[in-house]
Amino acid sequence: MFRRPFWDSRRDAVTDILLAAGVAVLGVPVLIGIVSWHADQQRLVLEIPWFLLVTHVVESATLLLRRRVPVLLCGLQLIAFLFTPAYFLVTTGTLIVSGDTLNGAWATLEAPFVCYAAIAYTSGRKRAYAWGSIAIMTIIAVRPWQPGVNAIAGGLVFTAIPALLGLYVSARRRLIQALKDRAERAVREQHRLAEQARAEERRRLASEMHDVVSDRVNLMVLQAGALSVAADEATRTAATDLSEAGRQALSELHELLGVLQTARMEEPERPETPASLPDLSALVADSEAAGVRVTLTEAGNPLMTSPAVARTAYRVVQEALTNVHKHAPDADVRIRVHYGADQVRLTVRNSAASPDRALSRSGSGSGLTGLRHRVELVHGAFHAGPDGEGGFAVEVTLPAYVPTAAHA
C-alpha cells in the first residue's frame, strides 16, 4: 500500500503524509488571520474561511503526489498563484495594492514543496516546463512592479529558493548514484581480473604438473612394461600390476589437468558413451576385509556423472575410509551416494569409537584439506566435522558434470 503507485519506499510515504498533514494544519490559523486583518473583512471570518479551508486542505492533499506528478502540481500551483492578481484586477482594476497587502507575498503554503519537487524529481523537458512555471510564480510572488522588501524576500523563499534547493539535491543524488555505479563497476572489474588470474594460475599449474609428473609416470609405465618381458612369473605379475596402476594414475592425472586447464565452466555436449567409473564397492570390500563395518547406499544413475566428478567422489570415500581406519577402526560406517541429474550428494558418516593412537599419529594430517581443495577444484562444496552424536561426518556436494580441456 505504501509503495505503489505513489511512493517507492515506506520512508517516502511517511514523509509525504506527515508533510501534507503538517501543511494542512499549519494553514488553518494563517488563513483565519489573513481574512481578519482588515476591519471591513471581519464579517467574512465566519463565511469565507470555510471555503478557503476546504480549498487549502485539497491543495495540501495534492502534496501526496509531488513525487509522481511534480510538473502537473507545479502547473496547478501556477493557476493558484494567478488567482490573487486576477482577483485584484477584477475588483480594483489594478495590480497596485496598498496597506498590509503590500508587505505580503502572493504565494501559498504548498508552493515551496511543489517547487522543490518539480525540480528535484524531474529532468529534461519536464524540468524545463517546471522552470517556466516557477519563473512565472516567482514574478507574481515578488511583484517587481511594486517592489517591497517583505514581498521580494517572501516570494523568493516560497518559489526560487526551494527550486534551487531541489536542483542541488537532484545533482547530488545523480553524483551519488554515479559514484555507486563506478564502485560497482570497479568491484566487477576486480572480480573479473581475479578470475583471470586464477585461470592463468590454473593453466600454469597444469603445465607444470604435466611436465613434472606426467612424463615421469609415463617413463615408469614403460619401464614396468619392459621389466615384465624379461622376468620371472612373480616379477612379471608385479610389473603388470605396476604398469596398470601407472596407466590408471595417468588417466586420472590427465582428467585433473583437463579440469585445471578449463578456464570457463561452460557445459558442452556430453559424450554419448560414458567412460568407466570407479567402483565404490571395491573400497567397501577392502575396508570390510580390514575389519571395518561399512554400509553403502547408492541411488540414482551414476552414468549421468562425468568421470572427473566420479573420481573425485571416489577419492573422498577413499580418504574418509582411510581416516576411519586410523582414528576409529571399530566404528560403523555409513556411505550414502545420490547421483542426481544436476549434482552428486555424498555422505560418509562413522559412529563414535575409540581412536587407535599409533595409527592416528601416522600420515601428514592434511588429508581433509587436500579433499577440500580437490572438491573445490570441480566447483563442489565440502564439509567435515563431528556429527553431534560422537561420530564424524564428511558431506560433499558435487556438480554432476564438469568439462575438461578435452571436452571444452
Protein backbone atom coordinates (compact mmCIF):
# COMPACT_ATOMS: atom_id res chain seq x y z
CA MET A 1 0.00 0.00 0.00
CA PHE A 2 2.86 2.37 0.83
CA ARG A 3 5.00 1.59 -2.20
CA ARG A 4 2.90 1.82 -5.34
CA PRO A 5 1.61 3.73 -7.17
CA PHE A 6 2.64 6.88 -5.25
CA TRP A 7 5.87 6.02 -3.42
CA ASP A 8 8.98 3.93 -3.90
CA SER A 9 9.56 3.24 -0.21
CA ARG A 10 7.81 3.35 3.14
CA ARG A 11 10.04 6.22 4.21
CA ASP A 12 8.87 8.37 1.27
CA ALA A 13 5.25 7.56 2.09
CA VAL A 14 5.57 8.56 5.75
CA THR A 15 7.43 11.76 4.82
CA ASP A 16 4.81 12.90 2.32
CA ILE A 17 1.87 12.01 4.57
CA LEU A 18 3.35 13.95 7.50
CA LEU A 19 4.20 16.86 5.19
CA ALA A 20 0.68 17.09 3.77
CA ALA A 21 -0.87 16.84 7.22
CA GLY A 22 1.51 19.44 8.67
CA VAL A 23 0.85 21.98 5.90
CA ALA A 24 -2.90 21.45 6.21
CA VAL A 25 -2.86 22.03 9.97
CA LEU A 26 -0.47 25.00 9.80
CA GLY A 27 -2.57 26.73 7.16
CA VAL A 28 -5.73 26.97 9.27
CA PRO A 29 -4.63 29.78 11.62
CA VAL A 30 -2.83 31.51 8.74
CA LEU A 31 -6.00 31.70 6.63
CA ILE A 32 -8.11 32.92 9.53
CA GLY A 33 -5.52 35.58 10.28
CA ILE A 34 -5.39 36.75 6.66
CA VAL A 35 -9.18 37.14 6.45
CA SER A 36 -9.39 39.02 9.78
CA TRP A 37 -6.60 41.53 9.07
CA HIS A 38 -8.94 44.33 7.97
CA ALA A 39 -11.96 45.70 9.75
CA ASP A 40 -14.07 45.56 6.62
CA GLN A 41 -13.39 41.84 6.40
CA GLN A 42 -14.38 40.93 9.96
CA ARG A 43 -17.81 39.90 8.77
CA LEU A 44 -16.20 37.37 6.43
CA VAL A 45 -14.37 35.49 9.19
CA LEU A 46 -17.29 33.12 9.65
CA GLU A 47 -18.18 32.91 5.93
CA ILE A 48 -15.15 32.78 3.62
CA PRO A 49 -12.77 30.67 5.77
CA TRP A 50 -14.86 27.53 5.25
CA PHE A 51 -14.43 27.71 1.51
CA LEU A 52 -10.78 28.69 1.88
CA LEU A 53 -10.15 25.91 4.39
CA VAL A 54 -11.61 23.26 2.09
CA THR A 55 -9.52 24.58 -0.79
CA HIS A 56 -6.44 24.65 1.40
CA VAL A 57 -6.96 21.07 2.58
CA VAL A 58 -7.37 19.88 -1.02
CA GLU A 59 -4.18 21.69 -2.04
CA SER A 60 -2.34 20.15 0.91
CA ALA A 61 -3.54 16.68 -0.06
CA THR A 62 -2.03 17.12 -3.52
CA LEU A 63 1.40 17.08 -1.86
CA LEU A 64 0.95 13.30 -1.60
CA LEU A 65 1.50 13.21 -5.37
CA ARG A 66 4.53 15.50 -5.50
CA ARG A 67 6.95 12.64 -6.31
CA ARG A 68 4.79 11.16 -9.08
CA VAL A 69 3.39 14.16 -10.96
CA PRO A 70 5.52 17.13 -9.85
CA VAL A 71 5.15 19.06 -13.11
CA LEU A 72 1.36 18.75 -13.03
CA LEU A 73 1.28 20.01 -9.44
CA CYS A 74 3.56 22.87 -10.45
CA GLY A 75 1.07 23.85 -13.18
CA LEU A 76 -1.84 23.71 -10.72
CA GLN A 77 0.15 25.81 -8.29
CA LEU A 78 0.72 28.38 -11.04
CA ILE A 79 -3.06 28.60 -11.54
CA ALA A 80 -3.45 29.18 -7.78
CA PHE A 81 -0.82 31.92 -7.96
CA LEU A 82 -2.70 33.61 -10.80
CA PHE A 83 -5.85 33.78 -8.68
CA THR A 84 -4.55 36.64 -6.49
CA PRO A 85 -3.60 39.12 -9.27
CA ALA A 86 -6.76 38.16 -11.15
CA TYR A 87 -8.81 38.96 -8.04
CA PHE A 88 -7.22 42.42 -7.70
CA LEU A 89 -7.65 43.14 -11.42
CA VAL A 90 -11.35 42.25 -11.26
CA THR A 91 -12.10 44.09 -8.01
CA THR A 92 -9.82 47.12 -8.27
CA GLY A 93 -8.76 47.21 -11.90
CA THR A 94 -5.07 47.40 -10.99
CA LEU A 95 -2.23 45.35 -9.57
CA ILE A 96 -1.02 48.23 -7.40
CA VAL A 97 -2.11 47.48 -3.84
CA SER A 98 -1.69 49.28 -0.57
CA GLY A 99 -1.85 48.63 3.15
CA ASP A 100 -0.90 45.32 4.74
CA THR A 101 -1.39 43.54 1.44
CA LEU A 102 1.67 45.37 0.11
CA ASN A 103 4.02 43.57 2.50
CA GLY A 104 2.81 40.01 1.85
CA ALA A 105 3.99 37.60 -0.82
CA TRP A 106 1.30 36.32 -3.15
CA ALA A 107 2.06 32.64 -2.51
CA THR A 108 0.54 29.56 -0.92
CA LEU A 109 1.94 27.40 1.85
CA GLU A 110 2.22 24.45 -0.55
CA ALA A 111 4.32 26.40 -3.06
CA PRO A 112 7.82 25.72 -1.59
CA PHE A 113 7.30 21.96 -1.55
CA VAL A 114 5.78 21.90 -5.03
CA CYS A 115 8.64 24.00 -6.48
CA TYR A 116 11.22 21.79 -4.78
CA ALA A 117 9.63 18.58 -6.07
CA ALA A 118 9.19 19.99 -9.60
CA ILE A 119 12.99 20.35 -9.91
CA ALA A 120 14.26 17.54 -7.64
CA TYR A 121 12.18 14.75 -9.23
CA THR A 122 12.27 15.72 -12.91
CA SER A 123 14.78 16.04 -15.71
CA GLY A 124 14.98 17.01 -19.37
CA ARG A 125 11.94 18.60 -20.99
CA LYS A 126 9.74 18.20 -17.91
CA ARG A 127 12.23 20.18 -15.85
CA ALA A 128 12.21 22.93 -18.48
CA TYR A 129 8.41 23.18 -18.16
CA ALA A 130 8.78 23.30 -14.37
CA TRP A 131 11.35 26.10 -14.55
CA GLY A 132 8.99 28.13 -16.75
CA SER A 133 6.13 27.75 -14.28
CA ILE A 134 8.39 28.56 -11.32
CA ALA A 135 9.69 31.70 -13.07
CA ILE A 136 6.13 32.99 -13.54
CA MET A 137 5.24 32.14 -9.92
CA THR A 138 8.36 33.95 -8.70
CA ILE A 139 7.41 37.11 -10.63
CA ILE A 140 3.90 37.02 -9.20
CA ALA A 141 5.18 36.38 -5.67
CA VAL A 142 7.80 39.17 -5.57
CA ARG A 143 5.69 41.72 -7.58
CA PRO A 144 8.54 43.64 -9.28
CA TRP A 145 6.11 46.31 -10.49
CA GLN A 146 5.60 47.34 -6.85
CA PRO A 147 8.76 46.21 -5.03
CA GLY A 148 8.80 45.68 -1.31
CA VAL A 149 11.34 44.07 0.97
CA ASN A 150 8.92 41.60 2.53
CA ALA A 151 7.29 40.76 -0.77
CA ILE A 152 10.61 40.10 -2.51
CA ALA A 153 12.06 38.09 0.38
CA GLY A 154 8.87 36.11 0.89
CA GLY A 155 8.43 35.48 -2.82
CA LEU A 156 11.97 34.13 -3.20
CA VAL A 157 11.62 31.95 -0.10
CA PHE A 158 8.37 30.43 -1.39
CA THR A 159 9.44 29.83 -5.01
CA ALA A 160 13.01 30.33 -6.28
CA ILE A 161 14.96 29.15 -3.23
CA PRO A 162 13.11 25.80 -2.92
CA ALA A 163 13.61 25.25 -6.66
CA LEU A 164 17.37 25.89 -6.33
CA LEU A 165 17.47 23.51 -3.35
CA GLY A 166 15.74 20.87 -5.45
CA LEU A 167 18.33 21.44 -8.20
CA TYR A 168 21.15 20.89 -5.69
CA VAL A 169 19.55 17.74 -4.24
CA SER A 170 18.95 16.34 -7.71
CA ALA A 171 22.57 16.97 -8.75
CA ARG A 172 23.84 15.43 -5.51
CA ARG A 173 21.61 12.39 -6.00
CA ARG A 174 22.94 11.88 -9.52
CA LEU A 175 26.52 12.25 -8.27
CA ILE A 176 26.00 9.67 -5.53
CA GLN A 177 24.40 7.27 -8.00
CA ALA A 178 27.28 7.77 -10.43
CA LEU A 179 29.79 7.05 -7.65
CA LYS A 180 27.86 3.91 -6.69
CA ASP A 181 27.80 2.73 -10.29
CA ARG A 182 31.52 3.41 -10.61
CA ALA A 183 32.24 1.49 -7.41
CA GLU A 184 30.12 -1.46 -8.61
CA ARG A 185 31.94 -1.45 -11.94
CA ALA A 186 35.27 -1.38 -10.11
CA VAL A 187 34.23 -4.35 -7.98
CA ARG A 188 33.07 -6.29 -11.05
CA GLU A 189 36.32 -5.47 -12.83
CA GLN A 190 38.31 -6.57 -9.80
CA HIS A 191 36.42 -9.86 -9.70
CA ARG A 192 37.00 -10.34 -13.41
CA LEU A 193 40.73 -9.70 -13.07
CA ALA A 194 40.90 -12.05 -10.08
CA GLU A 195 39.11 -14.74 -12.07
CA GLN A 196 41.54 -14.25 -14.96
CA ALA A 197 44.47 -14.50 -12.54
CA ARG A 198 43.07 -17.73 -11.10
CA ALA A 199 42.55 -19.14 -14.57
CA GLU A 200 46.12 -18.26 -15.54
CA GLU A 201 47.44 -19.84 -12.35
CA ARG A 202 45.42 -22.97 -13.03
CA ARG A 203 46.82 -23.25 -16.53
CA ARG A 204 50.35 -22.67 -15.25
CA LEU A 205 49.89 -25.31 -12.57
CA ALA A 206 48.50 -27.76 -15.13
CA SER A 207 51.51 -27.18 -17.38
CA GLU A 208 53.94 -27.75 -14.54
CA MET A 209 52.13 -30.89 -13.40
CA HIS A 210 52.23 -32.24 -16.93
CA ASP A 211 55.95 -31.51 -17.30
CA VAL A 212 56.97 -32.85 -13.90
CA VAL A 213 54.56 -35.69 -13.14
CA SER A 214 53.12 -36.97 -16.39
CA ASP A 215 56.47 -37.59 -18.07
CA ARG A 216 57.80 -39.43 -15.01
CA VAL A 217 54.76 -41.67 -14.74
CA ASN A 218 54.95 -42.43 -18.46
CA LEU A 219 58.57 -43.48 -18.03
CA MET A 220 57.59 -45.64 -15.06
CA VAL A 221 54.93 -47.44 -17.11
CA LEU A 222 57.35 -48.06 -19.97
CA GLN A 223 59.99 -49.43 -17.62
CA ALA A 224 57.44 -51.67 -15.92
CA GLY A 225 56.38 -52.99 -19.33
CA ALA A 226 59.97 -53.71 -20.25
CA LEU A 227 60.54 -55.44 -16.94
CA SER A 228 57.57 -57.75 -17.45
CA VAL A 229 59.09 -59.08 -20.68
CA ALA A 230 62.40 -60.36 -19.25
CA ALA A 231 61.48 -61.51 -15.73
CA ASP A 232 60.12 -64.50 -13.88
CA GLU A 233 56.45 -65.08 -13.28
CA ALA A 234 56.23 -63.31 -9.92
CA THR A 235 58.16 -60.28 -11.12
CA ARG A 236 56.13 -60.22 -14.34
CA THR A 237 52.89 -60.17 -12.33
CA ALA A 238 54.16 -57.34 -10.11
CA ALA A 239 55.37 -55.39 -13.14
CA THR A 240 51.99 -55.84 -14.83
CA ASP A 241 50.18 -54.57 -11.74
CA LEU A 242 52.59 -51.63 -11.52
CA SER A 243 52.05 -50.81 -15.18
CA GLU A 244 48.27 -50.97 -14.77
CA ALA A 245 48.42 -48.69 -11.71
CA GLY A 246 50.60 -46.26 -13.65
CA ARG A 247 48.14 -46.16 -16.56
CA GLN A 248 45.28 -45.53 -14.15
CA ALA A 249 47.28 -42.75 -12.49
CA LEU A 250 47.96 -41.23 -15.91
CA SER A 251 44.26 -41.35 -16.77
CA GLU A 252 43.30 -39.59 -13.56
CA LEU A 253 46.12 -37.10 -13.95
CA HIS A 254 45.01 -36.20 -17.49
CA GLU A 255 41.44 -35.61 -16.29
CA LEU A 256 42.70 -33.44 -13.44
CA LEU A 257 44.86 -31.47 -15.84
CA GLY A 258 41.86 -31.05 -18.10
CA VAL A 259 39.86 -29.55 -15.24
CA LEU A 260 42.73 -27.21 -14.36
CA GLN A 261 43.08 -26.06 -17.96
CA THR A 262 39.39 -25.26 -18.34
CA ALA A 263 39.12 -21.52 -17.80
CA ARG A 264 35.32 -21.32 -18.07
CA MET A 265 32.98 -23.97 -16.76
CA GLU A 266 30.65 -23.90 -19.78
CA GLU A 267 28.82 -27.16 -20.19
CA PRO A 268 29.40 -28.68 -23.62
CA GLU A 269 27.67 -31.63 -25.19
CA ARG A 270 28.05 -34.74 -23.07
CA PRO A 271 29.70 -37.72 -24.66
CA GLU A 272 27.32 -40.39 -25.85
CA THR A 273 29.40 -43.22 -24.38
CA PRO A 274 30.29 -42.56 -20.74
CA ALA A 275 33.72 -43.54 -19.54
CA SER A 276 34.17 -46.26 -16.98
CA LEU A 277 33.65 -45.01 -13.42
CA PRO A 278 35.50 -46.09 -10.28
CA ASP A 279 33.66 -48.72 -8.28
CA LEU A 280 32.96 -47.73 -4.67
CA SER A 281 32.11 -51.32 -3.76
CA ALA A 282 35.79 -52.23 -4.12
CA LEU A 283 36.67 -49.69 -1.43
CA VAL A 284 33.92 -51.08 0.79
CA ALA A 285 35.22 -54.62 0.31
CA ASP A 286 38.76 -53.58 1.19
CA SER A 287 37.58 -51.82 4.37
CA GLU A 288 35.45 -54.80 5.42
CA ALA A 289 38.45 -57.05 4.86
CA ALA A 290 40.34 -54.78 7.28
CA GLY A 291 37.63 -55.24 9.91
CA VAL A 292 35.59 -52.06 9.42
CA ARG A 293 31.82 -52.48 9.09
CA VAL A 294 30.69 -50.41 6.09
CA THR A 295 27.20 -49.92 4.65
CA LEU A 296 27.00 -48.47 1.13
CA THR A 297 23.75 -46.98 -0.21
CA GLU A 298 23.65 -45.67 -3.77
CA ALA A 299 20.71 -44.00 -5.52
CA GLY A 300 20.27 -42.52 -8.96
CA ASN A 301 22.07 -43.16 -12.21
CA PRO A 302 25.88 -42.96 -11.90
CA LEU A 303 26.21 -42.93 -15.70
CA MET A 304 24.96 -39.31 -15.66
CA THR A 305 28.11 -38.33 -13.77
CA SER A 306 31.27 -37.25 -15.58
CA PRO A 307 34.44 -39.29 -14.88
CA ALA A 308 36.21 -36.36 -13.20
CA VAL A 309 33.36 -35.98 -10.70
CA ALA A 310 33.12 -39.74 -10.15
CA ARG A 311 36.84 -39.97 -9.42
CA THR A 312 36.56 -37.03 -7.01
CA ALA A 313 33.76 -38.86 -5.17
CA TYR A 314 35.89 -41.99 -5.18
CA ARG A 315 38.81 -40.11 -3.60
CA VAL A 316 36.52 -38.59 -0.97
CA VAL A 317 35.27 -42.05 0.05
CA GLN A 318 38.78 -43.45 -0.05
CA GLU A 319 40.23 -40.72 2.17
CA ALA A 320 37.25 -40.84 4.55
CA LEU A 321 37.62 -44.63 4.99
CA THR A 322 41.36 -44.19 5.48
CA ASN A 323 40.65 -41.73 8.28
CA VAL A 324 38.21 -44.19 9.83
CA HIS A 325 40.89 -46.88 9.76
CA LYS A 326 43.28 -44.52 11.54
CA HIS A 327 41.02 -42.80 14.06
CA ALA A 328 38.01 -45.10 14.60
CA PRO A 329 38.84 -48.66 13.43
CA ASP A 330 35.97 -50.24 15.39
CA ALA A 331 33.30 -47.78 14.19
CA ASP A 332 30.37 -48.47 11.92
CA VAL A 333 30.48 -46.52 8.67
CA ARG A 334 27.51 -45.49 6.53
CA ILE A 335 28.12 -44.24 2.98
CA ARG A 336 25.27 -42.61 1.07
CA VAL A 337 25.64 -41.53 -2.54
CA HIS A 338 22.87 -39.93 -4.59
CA TYR A 339 23.51 -39.40 -8.30
CA GLY A 340 21.17 -36.66 -9.48
CA ALA A 341 20.74 -35.02 -12.86
CA ASP A 342 22.48 -31.83 -11.71
CA GLN A 343 24.56 -32.82 -8.71
CA VAL A 344 26.00 -35.68 -6.71
CA ARG A 345 25.49 -35.73 -2.93
CA LEU A 346 27.88 -37.87 -0.91
CA THR A 347 27.95 -38.54 2.84
CA VAL A 348 30.39 -40.68 4.81
CA ARG A 349 29.45 -40.95 8.48
CA ASN A 350 31.02 -43.10 11.18
CA SER A 351 29.74 -43.84 14.67
CA ALA A 352 31.56 -42.99 17.87
CA ALA A 353 34.66 -45.11 18.55
CA SER A 354 37.95 -45.02 20.41
CA PRO A 355 40.90 -43.96 18.21
CA ASP A 356 43.99 -46.03 17.52
CA ARG A 357 46.79 -43.80 18.85
CA ALA A 358 49.53 -45.44 16.79
CA LEU A 359 47.61 -45.15 13.54
CA SER A 360 46.24 -41.67 14.26
CA ARG A 361 49.80 -40.30 14.57
CA SER A 362 50.71 -41.58 11.11
CA GLY A 363 50.20 -39.56 7.96
CA SER A 364 50.63 -35.89 7.18
CA GLY A 365 47.37 -34.72 8.73
CA SER A 366 46.39 -32.84 5.58
CA GLY A 367 44.03 -35.40 4.08
CA LEU A 368 40.82 -33.41 4.66
CA THR A 369 42.48 -30.21 3.46
CA GLY A 370 43.51 -31.96 0.27
CA LEU A 371 39.98 -33.30 -0.18
CA ARG A 372 38.52 -29.82 0.27
CA HIS A 373 40.84 -28.44 -2.41
CA ARG A 374 40.03 -31.30 -4.76
CA VAL A 375 36.28 -30.82 -4.27
CA GLU A 376 36.51 -27.05 -4.75
CA LEU A 377 38.54 -27.62 -7.89
CA VAL A 378 35.43 -29.10 -9.56
CA HIS A 379 33.20 -26.38 -8.05
CA GLY A 380 31.83 -28.58 -5.30
CA ALA A 381 31.01 -27.97 -1.62
CA PHE A 382 32.85 -29.77 1.19
CA HIS A 383 32.04 -30.06 4.89
CA ALA A 384 33.67 -32.27 7.52
CA GLY A 385 33.20 -32.31 11.28
CA PRO A 386 31.57 -34.01 14.27
CA ASP A 387 28.03 -35.14 13.65
CA GLY A 388 26.75 -34.24 17.13
CA GLU A 389 26.38 -37.90 18.17
CA GLY A 390 30.02 -38.63 18.97
CA GLY A 391 30.87 -39.62 15.42
CA PHE A 392 32.31 -37.82 12.40
CA ALA A 393 30.74 -36.95 9.06
CA VAL A 394 32.08 -35.89 5.68
CA GLU A 395 29.45 -34.30 3.41
CA VAL A 396 30.19 -33.36 -0.19
CA THR A 397 28.05 -31.89 -2.97
CA LEU A 398 29.48 -32.08 -6.49
CA PRO A 399 28.19 -30.93 -9.87
CA ALA A 400 27.08 -33.90 -11.95
CA TYR A 401 29.18 -32.81 -14.89
CA VAL A 402 32.47 -30.91 -15.12
CA PRO A 403 34.01 -30.24 -18.56
CA THR A 404 37.69 -30.84 -19.07
CA ALA A 405 40.07 -29.41 -21.62
CA ALA A 406 39.40 -32.38 -23.87
CA HIS A 407 35.70 -31.55 -23.99
CA ALA A 408 35.68 -27.78 -23.54
